[in-house]
Amino acid sequence: SEFEQQVLQPLRAARGYLKANQTEIADYAAIRKD
């Protein structure tokens, strides 16, 4: 539970934010891959 809440969920949220704003993110494809 703690690992899910503190680590994985924020990472998924960050990926979602970046995807939604990918036109404004320089080097989006490389960041997404990483």
PDB file of all heavy atoms in Angstrom:
ATOM      1  N   SER A   1       0.804  -1.218   0.000  1.00  0.00           N
ATOM      2  CA  SER A   1       0.000   0.000   0.000  1.00  0.00           C
ATOM      3  C   SER A   1       0.845   1.281   0.000  1.00  0.00           C
ATOM      4  O   SER A   1       0.635   2.173  -0.824  1.00  0.00           O
ATOM      5  CB  SER A   1      -0.929   0.000   1.210  1.00  0.00           C
ATOM      6  OG  SER A   1      -1.646   1.197   1.275  1.00  0.00           O
ATOM      7  N   GLU A   2       1.794   1.375   0.897  1.00  0.00           N
ATOM      8  CA  GLU A   2       2.609   2.584   0.986  1.00  0.00           C
ATOM      9  C   GLU A   2       3.441   2.791  -0.280  1.00  0.00           C
ATOM     10  O   GLU A   2       3.524   3.902  -0.813  1.00  0.00           O
ATOM     11  CB  GLU A   2       3.521   2.533   2.215  1.00  0.00           C
ATOM     12  CG  GLU A   2       4.312   3.822   2.399  1.00  0.00           C
ATOM     13  CD  GLU A   2       5.166   3.825   3.654  1.00  0.00           C
ATOM     14  OE1 GLU A   2       5.278   2.778   4.329  1.00  0.00           O
ATOM     15  OE2 GLU A   2       5.742   4.879   3.953  1.00  0.00           O
ATOM     16  N   PHE A   3       4.037   1.723  -0.783  1.00  0.00           N
ATOM     17  CA  PHE A   3       4.841   1.804  -2.009  1.00  0.00           C
ATOM     18  C   PHE A   3       3.966   2.256  -3.184  1.00  0.00           C
ATOM     19  O   PHE A   3       4.368   3.091  -3.990  1.00  0.00           O
ATOM     20  CB  PHE A   3       5.469   0.432  -2.298  1.00  0.00           C
ATOM     21  CG  PHE A   3       6.488   0.440  -3.401  1.00  0.00           C
ATOM     22  CD1 PHE A   3       7.781   0.860  -3.167  1.00  0.00           C
ATOM     23  CD2 PHE A   3       6.155  -0.007  -4.673  1.00  0.00           C
ATOM     24  CE1 PHE A   3       8.731   0.857  -4.185  1.00  0.00           C
ATOM     25  CE2 PHE A   3       7.091  -0.020  -5.697  1.00  0.00           C
ATOM     26  CZ  PHE A   3       8.378   0.418  -5.452  1.00  0.00           C
ATOM     27  N   GLU A   4       2.760   1.716  -3.251  1.00  0.00           N
ATOM     28  CA  GLU A   4       1.817   2.084  -4.310  1.00  0.00           C
ATOM     29  C   GLU A   4       1.488   3.580  -4.237  1.00  0.00           C
ATOM     30  O   GLU A   4       1.547   4.288  -5.239  1.00  0.00           O
ATOM     31  CB  GLU A   4       0.538   1.238  -4.185  1.00  0.00           C
ATOM     32  CG  GLU A   4      -0.519   1.543  -5.208  1.00  0.00           C
ATOM     33  CD  GLU A   4      -0.197   1.046  -6.607  1.00  0.00           C
ATOM     34  OE1 GLU A   4       0.678   0.180  -6.778  1.00  0.00           O
ATOM     35  OE2 GLU A   4      -0.833   1.551  -7.542  1.00  0.00           O
ATOM     36  N   GLN A   5       1.156   4.032  -3.029  1.00  0.00           N
ATOM     37  CA  GLN A   5       0.735   5.424  -2.850  1.00  0.00           C
ATOM     38  C   GLN A   5       1.882   6.422  -2.983  1.00  0.00           C
ATOM     39  O   GLN A   5       1.707   7.492  -3.565  1.00  0.00           O
ATOM     40  CB  GLN A   5       0.065   5.605  -1.489  1.00  0.00           C
ATOM     41  CG  GLN A   5      -1.262   4.893  -1.373  1.00  0.00           C
ATOM     42  CD  GLN A   5      -1.810   4.917   0.047  1.00  0.00           C
ATOM     43  OE1 GLN A   5      -1.271   5.572   0.922  1.00  0.00           O
ATOM     44  NE2 GLN A   5      -2.891   4.188   0.269  1.00  0.00           N
ATOM     45  N   GLN A   6       3.029   6.083  -2.447  1.00  0.00           N
ATOM     46  CA  GLN A   6       4.145   7.030  -2.403  1.00  0.00           C
ATOM     47  C   GLN A   6       5.038   7.005  -3.636  1.00  0.00           C
ATOM     48  O   GLN A   6       5.713   7.997  -3.920  1.00  0.00           O
ATOM     49  CB  GLN A   6       5.006   6.769  -1.152  1.00  0.00           C
ATOM     50  CG  GLN A   6       4.268   6.934   0.150  1.00  0.00           C
ATOM     51  CD  GLN A   6       3.751   8.342   0.350  1.00  0.00           C
ATOM     52  OE1 GLN A   6       4.411   9.322   0.028  1.00  0.00           O
ATOM     53  NE2 GLN A   6       2.541   8.464   0.883  1.00  0.00           N
ATOM     54  N   VAL A   7       5.042   5.894  -4.360  1.00  0.00           N
ATOM     55  CA  VAL A   7       5.982   5.758  -5.474  1.00  0.00           C
ATOM     56  C   VAL A   7       5.266   5.586  -6.818  1.00  0.00           C
ATOM     57  O   VAL A   7       5.444   6.391  -7.729  1.00  0.00           O
ATOM     58  CB  VAL A   7       6.959   4.576  -5.229  1.00  0.00           C
ATOM     59  CG1 VAL A   7       7.919   4.412  -6.394  1.00  0.00           C
ATOM     60  CG2 VAL A   7       7.729   4.783  -3.930  1.00  0.00           C
ATOM     61  N   LEU A   8       4.469   4.543  -6.942  1.00  0.00           N
ATOM     62  CA  LEU A   8       3.893   4.226  -8.253  1.00  0.00           C
ATOM     63  C   LEU A   8       2.798   5.198  -8.692  1.00  0.00           C
ATOM     64  O   LEU A   8       2.792   5.635  -9.842  1.00  0.00           O
ATOM     65  CB  LEU A   8       3.384   2.786  -8.276  1.00  0.00           C
ATOM     66  CG  LEU A   8       4.500   1.752  -8.344  1.00  0.00           C
ATOM     67  CD1 LEU A   8       3.973   0.348  -8.089  1.00  0.00           C
ATOM     68  CD2 LEU A   8       5.211   1.811  -9.684  1.00  0.00           C
ATOM     69  N   GLN A   9       1.888   5.536  -7.809  1.00  0.00           N
ATOM     70  CA  GLN A   9       0.816   6.454  -8.205  1.00  0.00           C
ATOM     71  C   GLN A   9       1.344   7.827  -8.623  1.00  0.00           C
ATOM     72  O   GLN A   9       0.912   8.352  -9.652  1.00  0.00           O
ATOM     73  CB  GLN A   9      -0.239   6.572  -7.106  1.00  0.00           C
ATOM     74  CG  GLN A   9      -1.092   5.326  -6.989  1.00  0.00           C
ATOM     75  CD  GLN A   9      -2.096   5.384  -5.847  1.00  0.00           C
ATOM     76  OE1 GLN A   9      -2.110   6.316  -5.048  1.00  0.00           O
ATOM     77  NE2 GLN A   9      -2.936   4.369  -5.764  1.00  0.00           N
ATOM     78  N   PRO A  10       2.282   8.410  -7.880  1.00  0.00           N
ATOM     79  CA  PRO A  10       2.827   9.700  -8.346  1.00  0.00           C
ATOM     80  C   PRO A  10       3.551   9.595  -9.688  1.00  0.00           C
ATOM     81  O   PRO A  10       3.464  10.510 -10.514  1.00  0.00           O
ATOM     82  CB  PRO A  10       3.801  10.106  -7.230  1.00  0.00           C
ATOM     83  CG  PRO A  10       3.292   9.397  -6.018  1.00  0.00           C
ATOM     84  CD  PRO A  10       2.747   8.088  -6.525  1.00  0.00           C
ATOM     85  N   LEU A  11       4.240   8.493  -9.925  1.00  0.00           N
ATOM     86  CA  LEU A  11       4.927   8.318 -11.200  1.00  0.00           C
ATOM     87  C   LEU A  11       3.913   8.213 -12.339  1.00  0.00           C
ATOM     88  O   LEU A  11       4.083   8.827 -13.393  1.00  0.00           O
ATOM     89  CB  LEU A  11       5.830   7.074 -11.165  1.00  0.00           C
ATOM     90  CG  LEU A  11       6.615   6.790 -12.441  1.00  0.00           C
ATOM     91  CD1 LEU A  11       7.518   7.966 -12.813  1.00  0.00           C
ATOM     92  CD2 LEU A  11       7.434   5.527 -12.289  1.00  0.00           C
ATOM     93  N   ARG A  12       2.843   7.457 -12.119  1.00  0.00           N
ATOM     94  CA  ARG A  12       1.798   7.367 -13.143  1.00  0.00           C
ATOM     95  C   ARG A  12       1.151   8.728 -13.396  1.00  0.00           C
ATOM     96  O   ARG A  12       0.848   9.082 -14.534  1.00  0.00           O
ATOM     97  CB  ARG A  12       0.728   6.355 -12.726  1.00  0.00           C
ATOM     98  CG  ARG A  12       1.203   4.933 -12.807  1.00  0.00           C
ATOM     99  CD  ARG A  12       0.057   3.956 -12.523  1.00  0.00           C
ATOM    100  NE  ARG A  12       0.609   2.692 -12.107  1.00  0.00           N
ATOM    101  CZ  ARG A  12       0.452   2.144 -10.910  1.00  0.00           C
ATOM    102  NH1 ARG A  12      -0.306   2.729 -10.005  1.00  0.00           N
ATOM    103  NH2 ARG A  12       1.011   0.997 -10.631  1.00  0.00           N
ATOM    104  N   ALA A  13       0.942   9.479 -12.330  1.00  0.00           N
ATOM    105  CA  ALA A  13       0.356  10.818 -12.472  1.00  0.00           C
ATOM    106  C   ALA A  13       1.293  11.725 -13.274  1.00  0.00           C
ATOM    107  O   ALA A  13       0.839  12.495 -14.130  1.00  0.00           O
ATOM    108  CB  ALA A  13       0.059  11.423 -11.106  1.00  0.00           C
ATOM    109  N   ALA A  14       2.580  11.635 -13.013  1.00  0.00           N
ATOM    110  CA  ALA A  14       3.553  12.436 -13.757  1.00  0.00           C
ATOM    111  C   ALA A  14       3.551  12.062 -15.231  1.00  0.00           C
ATOM    112  O   ALA A  14       3.566  12.928 -16.104  1.00  0.00           O
ATOM    113  CB  ALA A  14       4.955  12.256 -13.165  1.00  0.00           C
ATOM    114  N   ARG A  15       3.507  10.762 -15.505  1.00  0.00           N
ATOM    115  CA  ARG A  15       3.448  10.322 -16.907  1.00  0.00           C
ATOM    116  C   ARG A  15       2.178  10.840 -17.579  1.00  0.00           C
ATOM    117  O   ARG A  15       2.209  11.287 -18.722  1.00  0.00           O
ATOM    118  CB  ARG A  15       3.492   8.786 -16.994  1.00  0.00           C
ATOM    119  CG  ARG A  15       4.857   8.226 -17.128  1.00  0.00           C
ATOM    120  CD  ARG A  15       4.915   6.777 -17.607  1.00  0.00           C
ATOM    121  NE  ARG A  15       3.926   5.847 -17.078  1.00  0.00           N
ATOM    122  CZ  ARG A  15       2.883   5.381 -17.762  1.00  0.00           C
ATOM    123  NH1 ARG A  15       2.665   5.752 -18.996  1.00  0.00           N
ATOM    124  NH2 ARG A  15       2.057   4.529 -17.192  1.00  0.00           N
ATOM    125  N   GLY A  16       1.075  10.776 -16.880  1.00  0.00           N
ATOM    126  CA  GLY A  16      -0.186  11.269 -17.426  1.00  0.00           C
ATOM    127  C   GLY A  16      -0.146  12.762 -17.714  1.00  0.00           C
ATOM    128  O   GLY A  16      -0.616  13.220 -18.759  1.00  0.00           O
ATOM    129  N   TYR A  17       0.439  13.512 -16.800  1.00  0.00           N
ATOM    130  CA  TYR A  17       0.566  14.959 -16.989  1.00  0.00           C
ATOM    131  C   TYR A  17       1.438  15.266 -18.205  1.00  0.00           C
ATOM    132  O   TYR A  17       1.084  16.103 -19.047  1.00  0.00           O
ATOM    133  CB  TYR A  17       1.160  15.613 -15.739  1.00  0.00           C
ATOM    134  CG  TYR A  17       1.440  17.081 -15.941  1.00  0.00           C
ATOM    135  CD1 TYR A  17       0.440  18.026 -15.752  1.00  0.00           C
ATOM    136  CD2 TYR A  17       2.696  17.515 -16.353  1.00  0.00           C
ATOM    137  CE1 TYR A  17       0.682  19.369 -15.969  1.00  0.00           C
ATOM    138  CE2 TYR A  17       2.947  18.859 -16.571  1.00  0.00           C
ATOM    139  CZ  TYR A  17       1.945  19.782 -16.373  1.00  0.00           C
ATOM    140  OH  TYR A  17       2.195  21.113 -16.601  1.00  0.00           O
ATOM    141  N   LEU A  18       2.558  14.588 -18.285  1.00  0.00           N
ATOM    142  CA  LEU A  18       3.462  14.820 -19.414  1.00  0.00           C
ATOM    143  C   LEU A  18       2.802  14.445 -20.733  1.00  0.00           C
ATOM    144  O   LEU A  18       2.951  15.161 -21.733  1.00  0.00           O
ATOM    145  CB  LEU A  18       4.767  14.045 -19.226  1.00  0.00           C
ATOM    146  CG  LEU A  18       5.660  14.533 -18.079  1.00  0.00           C
ATOM    147  CD1 LEU A  18       6.814  13.572 -17.847  1.00  0.00           C
ATOM    148  CD2 LEU A  18       6.161  15.938 -18.341  1.00  0.00           C
ATOM    149  N   LYS A  19       2.059  13.349 -20.748  1.00  0.00           N
ATOM    150  CA  LYS A  19       1.378  12.931 -21.973  1.00  0.00           C
ATOM    151  C   LYS A  19       0.360  13.978 -22.404  1.00  0.00           C
ATOM    152  O   LYS A  19       0.267  14.317 -23.590  1.00  0.00           O
ATOM    153  CB  LYS A  19       0.693  11.581 -21.767  1.00  0.00           C
ATOM    154  CG  LYS A  19       0.011  11.048 -23.008  1.00  0.00           C
ATOM    155  CD  LYS A  19      -0.591   9.677 -22.777  1.00  0.00           C
ATOM    156  CE  LYS A  19      -1.222   9.156 -24.054  1.00  0.00           C
ATOM    157  NZ  LYS A  19      -1.810   7.836 -23.872  1.00  0.00           N
ATOM    158  N   ALA A  20      -0.394  14.496 -21.438  1.00  0.00           N
ATOM    159  CA  ALA A  20      -1.418  15.497 -21.743  1.00  0.00           C
ATOM    160  C   ALA A  20      -0.804  16.808 -22.230  1.00  0.00           C
ATOM    161  O   ALA A  20      -1.456  17.579 -22.938  1.00  0.00           O
ATOM    162  CB  ALA A  20      -2.282  15.751 -20.513  1.00  0.00           C
ATOM    163  N   ASN A  21       0.447  17.043 -21.860  1.00  0.00           N
ATOM    164  CA  ASN A  21       1.119  18.290 -22.213  1.00  0.00           C
ATOM    165  C   ASN A  21       2.339  18.059 -23.094  1.00  0.00           C
ATOM    166  O   ASN A  21       3.256  18.884 -23.125  1.00  0.00           O
ATOM    167  CB  ASN A  21       1.526  19.031 -20.934  1.00  0.00           C
ATOM    168  CG  ASN A  21       0.332  19.451 -20.124  1.00  0.00           C
ATOM    169  OD1 ASN A  21      -0.362  20.389 -20.463  1.00  0.00           O
ATOM    170  ND2 ASN A  21       0.059  18.713 -19.061  1.00  0.00           N
ATOM    171  N   GLN A  22       2.329  16.970 -23.835  1.00  0.00           N
ATOM    172  CA  GLN A  22       3.526  16.569 -24.576  1.00  0.00           C
ATOM    173  C   GLN A  22       3.975  17.577 -25.614  1.00  0.00           C
ATOM    174  O   GLN A  22       5.167  17.672 -25.902  1.00  0.00           O
ATOM    175  CB  GLN A  22       3.334  15.198 -25.206  1.00  0.00           C
ATOM    176  CG  GLN A  22       2.240  15.113 -26.235  1.00  0.00           C
ATOM    177  CD  GLN A  22       2.044  13.692 -26.716  1.00  0.00           C
ATOM    178  OE1 GLN A  22       2.853  13.197 -27.485  1.00  0.00           O
ATOM    179  NE2 GLN A  22       1.005  13.027 -26.255  1.00  0.00           N
ATOM    180  N   THR A  23       3.055  18.361 -26.155  1.00  0.00           N
ATOM    181  CA  THR A  23       3.464  19.344 -27.165  1.00  0.00           C
ATOM    182  C   THR A  23       4.326  20.448 -26.556  1.00  0.00           C
ATOM    183  O   THR A  23       5.080  21.104 -27.275  1.00  0.00           O
ATOM    184  CB  THR A  23       2.234  19.973 -27.857  1.00  0.00           C
ATOM    185  OG1 THR A  23       1.402  20.569 -26.868  1.00  0.00           O
ATOM    186  CG2 THR A  23       1.468  18.921 -28.638  1.00  0.00           C
ATOM    187  N   GLU A  24       4.224  20.611 -25.256  1.00  0.00           N
ATOM    188  CA  GLU A  24       5.007  21.643 -24.557  1.00  0.00           C
ATOM    189  C   GLU A  24       6.268  21.090 -23.902  1.00  0.00           C
ATOM    190  O   GLU A  24       7.051  21.850 -23.331  1.00  0.00           O
ATOM    191  CB  GLU A  24       4.131  22.306 -23.483  1.00  0.00           C
ATOM    192  CG  GLU A  24       2.868  22.931 -24.048  1.00  0.00           C
ATOM    193  CD  GLU A  24       1.842  23.220 -22.967  1.00  0.00           C
ATOM    194  OE1 GLU A  24       2.224  23.348 -21.797  1.00  0.00           O
ATOM    195  OE2 GLU A  24       0.655  23.315 -23.312  1.00  0.00           O
ATOM    196  N   ILE A  25       6.460  19.781 -23.981  1.00  0.00           N
ATOM    197  CA  ILE A  25       7.591  19.135 -23.302  1.00  0.00           C
ATOM    198  C   ILE A  25       8.681  18.821 -24.320  1.00  0.00           C
ATOM    199  O   ILE A  25       8.489  18.003 -25.214  1.00  0.00           O
ATOM    200  CB  ILE A  25       7.149  17.827 -22.602  1.00  0.00           C
ATOM    201  CG1 ILE A  25       5.960  18.045 -21.684  1.00  0.00           C
ATOM    202  CG2 ILE A  25       8.309  17.169 -21.866  1.00  0.00           C
ATOM    203  CD1 ILE A  25       6.204  18.916 -20.484  1.00  0.00           C
ATOM    204  N   ALA A  26       9.819  19.496 -24.159  1.00  0.00           N
ATOM    205  CA  ALA A  26      10.953  19.222 -25.040  1.00  0.00           C
ATOM    206  C   ALA A  26      11.430  17.791 -24.792  1.00  0.00           C
ATOM    207  O   ALA A  26      11.497  17.340 -23.651  1.00  0.00           O
ATOM    208  CB  ALA A  26      12.084  20.213 -24.761  1.00  0.00           C
ATOM    209  N   ASP A  27      11.704  17.073 -25.859  1.00  0.00           N
ATOM    210  CA  ASP A  27      12.216  15.703 -25.785  1.00  0.00           C
ATOM    211  C   ASP A  27      11.243  14.756 -25.075  1.00  0.00           C
ATOM    212  O   ASP A  27      11.645  13.853 -24.342  1.00  0.00           O
ATOM    213  CB  ASP A  27      13.586  15.694 -25.097  1.00  0.00           C
ATOM    214  CG  ASP A  27      14.458  14.550 -25.569  1.00  0.00           C
ATOM    215  OD1 ASP A  27      14.122  13.915 -26.598  1.00  0.00           O
ATOM    216  OD2 ASP A  27      15.466  14.260 -24.891  1.00  0.00           O
ATOM    217  N   TYR A  28       9.953  14.973 -25.325  1.00  0.00           N
ATOM    218  CA  TYR A  28       8.913  14.164 -24.677  1.00  0.00           C
ATOM    219  C   TYR A  28       9.128  12.667 -24.883  1.00  0.00           C
ATOM    220  O   TYR A  28       9.009  11.883 -23.933  1.00  0.00           O
ATOM    221  CB  TYR A  28       7.512  14.561 -25.174  1.00  0.00           C
ATOM    222  CG  TYR A  28       6.449  13.596 -24.742  1.00  0.00           C
ATOM    223  CD1 TYR A  28       6.005  13.578 -23.425  1.00  0.00           C
ATOM    224  CD2 TYR A  28       5.918  12.659 -25.635  1.00  0.00           C
ATOM    225  CE1 TYR A  28       5.046  12.668 -23.007  1.00  0.00           C
ATOM    226  CE2 TYR A  28       4.961  11.745 -25.216  1.00  0.00           C
ATOM    227  CZ  TYR A  28       4.520  11.752 -23.910  1.00  0.00           C
ATOM    228  OH  TYR A  28       3.580  10.846 -23.501  1.00  0.00           O
ATOM    229  N   ALA A  29       9.432  12.241 -26.083  1.00  0.00           N
ATOM    230  CA  ALA A  29       9.562  10.803 -26.375  1.00  0.00           C
ATOM    231  C   ALA A  29      10.639  10.151 -25.498  1.00  0.00           C
ATOM    232  O   ALA A  29      10.435   9.059 -24.963  1.00  0.00           O
ATOM    233  CB  ALA A  29       9.860  10.580 -27.851  1.00  0.00           C
ATOM    234  N   ALA A  30      11.776  10.807 -25.339  1.00  0.00           N
ATOM    235  CA  ALA A  30      12.855  10.241 -24.529  1.00  0.00           C
ATOM    236  C   ALA A  30      12.481  10.228 -23.047  1.00  0.00           C
ATOM    237  O   ALA A  30      12.751   9.244 -22.344  1.00  0.00           O
ATOM    238  CB  ALA A  30      14.143  11.038 -24.733  1.00  0.00           C
ATOM    239  N   ILE A  31      11.832  11.282 -22.594  1.00  0.00           N
ATOM    240  CA  ILE A  31      11.400  11.344 -21.196  1.00  0.00           C
ATOM    241  C   ILE A  31      10.370  10.245 -20.927  1.00  0.00           C
ATOM    242  O   ILE A  31      10.440   9.547 -19.920  1.00  0.00           O
ATOM    243  CB  ILE A  31      10.838  12.735 -20.859  1.00  0.00           C
ATOM    244  CG1 ILE A  31      11.953  13.779 -20.918  1.00  0.00           C
ATOM    245  CG2 ILE A  31      10.163  12.742 -19.497  1.00  0.00           C
ATOM    246  CD1 ILE A  31      11.465  15.213 -20.869  1.00  0.00           C
ATOM    247  N   ARG A  32       9.415  10.088 -21.846  1.00  0.00           N
ATOM    248  CA  ARG A  32       8.386   9.055 -21.697  1.00  0.00           C
ATOM    249  C   ARG A  32       9.029   7.676 -21.615  1.00  0.00           C
ATOM    250  O   ARG A  32       8.680   6.863 -20.757  1.00  0.00           O
ATOM    251  CB  ARG A  32       7.404   9.109 -22.868  1.00  0.00           C
ATOM    252  CG  ARG A  32       6.331   8.050 -22.804  1.00  0.00           C
ATOM    253  CD  ARG A  32       5.373   8.146 -24.010  1.00  0.00           C
ATOM    254  NE  ARG A  32       4.322   7.159 -23.910  1.00  0.00           N
ATOM    255  CZ  ARG A  32       4.418   5.893 -24.301  1.00  0.00           C
ATOM    256  NH1 ARG A  32       5.539   5.454 -24.840  1.00  0.00           N
ATOM    257  NH2 ARG A  32       3.399   5.063 -24.173  1.00  0.00           N
ATOM    258  N   LYS A  33       9.986   7.418 -22.482  1.00  0.00           N
ATOM    259  CA  LYS A  33      10.669   6.127 -22.492  1.00  0.00           C
ATOM    260  C   LYS A  33      11.378   5.877 -21.158  1.00  0.00           C
ATOM    261  O   LYS A  33      11.299   4.779 -20.598  1.00  0.00           O
ATOM    262  CB  LYS A  33      11.677   6.078 -23.647  1.00  0.00           C
ATOM    263  CG  LYS A  33      12.413   4.769 -23.777  1.00  0.00           C
ATOM    264  CD  LYS A  33      13.385   4.799 -24.932  1.00  0.00           C
ATOM    265  CE  LYS A  33      14.225   3.536 -24.950  1.00  0.00           C
ATOM    266  NZ  LYS A  33      15.280   3.568 -25.947  1.00  0.00           N
ATOM    267  N   ASP A  34      12.068   6.889 -20.644  1.00  0.00           N
ATOM    268  CA  ASP A  34      12.773   6.751 -19.371  1.00  0.00           C
ATOM    269  C   ASP A  34      11.804   6.523 -18.212  1.00  0.00           C
ATOM    270  O   ASP A  34      12.065   5.708 -17.321  1.00  0.00           O
ATOM    271  CB  ASP A  34      13.641   7.984 -19.095  1.00  0.00           C
ATOM    272  CG  ASP A  34      14.846   8.078 -20.019  1.00  0.00           C
ATOM    273  OD1 ASP A  34      15.197   7.077 -20.671  1.00  0.00           O
ATOM    274  OD2 ASP A  34      15.443   9.177 -20.097  1.00  0.00           O
TER     275      ASP A  34
END
